[in-house]
Protein backbone atom coordinates (compact mmCIF):
# COMPACT_ATOMS: atom_id res chain seq x y z
CA MET A 1 -7.60 5.10 -20.87
CA TRP A 2 -4.66 3.35 -19.22
CA THR A 3 -1.54 5.44 -19.19
CA GLY A 4 1.74 5.03 -17.42
CA ARG A 5 0.97 8.08 -15.29
CA LEU A 6 -2.34 6.60 -14.14
CA ILE A 7 -0.71 3.29 -13.26
CA TYR A 8 2.10 5.07 -11.39
CA ASP A 9 -0.36 7.23 -9.40
CA ASN A 10 -2.60 4.29 -8.50
CA LEU A 11 0.36 2.09 -7.55
CA LYS A 12 1.69 4.82 -5.27
CA LYS A 13 -1.72 5.11 -3.56
CA LEU A 14 -1.98 1.33 -3.23
CA LEU A 15 1.45 0.98 -1.62
CA ALA A 16 0.80 3.82 0.81
CA TYR A 17 -2.53 2.27 1.85
CA THR A 18 -1.10 -1.22 2.26
CA LEU A 19 1.89 -0.14 4.31
CA THR A 20 -0.09 2.14 6.63
CA SER A 21 -2.94 -0.31 7.16
CA ASN A 22 -0.62 -3.10 8.27
CA VAL A 23 1.37 -1.17 10.89
CA ALA A 24 -0.50 -2.81 13.79
CA GLU A 25 0.17 -6.29 12.44
CA MET A 26 3.84 -5.52 11.94
CA ALA A 27 4.09 -4.07 15.46
CA ALA A 28 2.56 -7.21 16.98
CA MET A 29 4.98 -9.43 15.08
CA MET A 30 7.97 -7.29 16.10
CA MET A 31 6.91 -7.41 19.77
CA TYR A 32 6.66 -11.19 19.47
CA ILE A 33 10.15 -11.42 17.98
CA ILE A 34 11.89 -8.86 20.21
CA ALA A 35 10.17 -9.20 23.57
CA ALA A 36 8.68 -12.72 23.28
CA ILE A 37 5.17 -11.37 23.92
CA PRO A 38 2.69 -14.01 22.71
CA LEU A 39 0.66 -13.21 19.63
CA PRO A 40 -3.09 -12.70 20.13
CA MET A 41 -3.74 -14.72 16.94
CA GLY A 42 -1.76 -17.19 14.92
CA ALA A 43 0.06 -16.16 11.78
CA LEU A 44 -2.47 -17.90 9.52
CA ALA A 45 -5.39 -16.15 11.23
CA ILE A 46 -3.65 -12.79 10.82
CA LEU A 47 -3.17 -13.54 7.12
CA PHE A 48 -6.86 -14.37 6.64
CA VAL A 49 -7.98 -11.22 8.48
CA ASP A 50 -5.55 -9.15 6.43
CA LEU A 51 -6.76 -10.62 3.13
CA GLY A 52 -10.39 -10.22 4.12
CA THR A 53 -10.16 -6.61 5.23
CA ASP A 54 -7.59 -5.19 2.80
CA LEU A 55 -8.46 -6.85 -0.48
CA LEU A 56 -11.48 -4.78 -1.60
CA PRO A 57 -10.10 -1.34 -0.62
CA ALA A 58 -6.79 -2.15 -2.31
CA ILE A 59 -8.56 -3.23 -5.52
CA SER A 60 -10.65 -0.04 -5.52
CA LEU A 61 -7.50 2.06 -5.21
CA ALA A 62 -5.82 0.18 -8.03
CA LEU A 63 -8.80 0.65 -10.35
CA GLU A 64 -9.38 4.32 -9.60
CA SER A 65 -10.25 6.43 -12.64
CA THR A 66 -7.95 8.91 -14.31
CA GLU A 67 -7.59 12.41 -12.90
CA THR A 68 -8.47 15.23 -15.26
CA ASN A 69 -5.00 16.78 -15.32
CA VAL A 70 -2.91 13.62 -15.66
CA MET A 71 -1.77 14.34 -19.21
CA THR A 72 -1.12 18.05 -18.64
CA ARG A 73 1.55 17.32 -16.03
CA THR A 74 5.15 17.11 -17.11
CA PRO A 75 6.69 13.64 -17.25
CA ARG A 76 8.19 12.55 -13.95
CA ASP A 77 11.93 12.58 -13.41
CA LEU A 78 12.95 8.95 -12.95
CA LYS A 79 15.85 9.88 -10.67
CA GLN A 80 13.82 12.16 -8.38
CA GLN A 81 10.26 10.76 -8.29
CA ARG A 82 10.17 7.19 -7.09
CA LEU A 83 7.41 5.10 -5.52
CA PHE A 84 9.03 5.50 -2.10
CA THR A 85 10.40 8.92 -1.23
CA ASN A 86 11.32 10.75 1.96
CA GLN A 87 8.72 13.43 1.31
């Protein structure tokens, strides 16, 4: 059963995984921009490695099944609970 709560939970997991798994790539690009340190691989090669290694885990997170208590929780507050929070 696809509910808004399931989609919200899976999207939050997917975004957290994607952002944390690409920290090394972002750091290498920032060092290239800021300190002019040469990249170990070209941008296209980094893209292919990223697509090859992150695609299947990201799809599995997006298609994760519903938790048992998803409909017993209260609806989320749209002003307080966002995809990106400081918590």
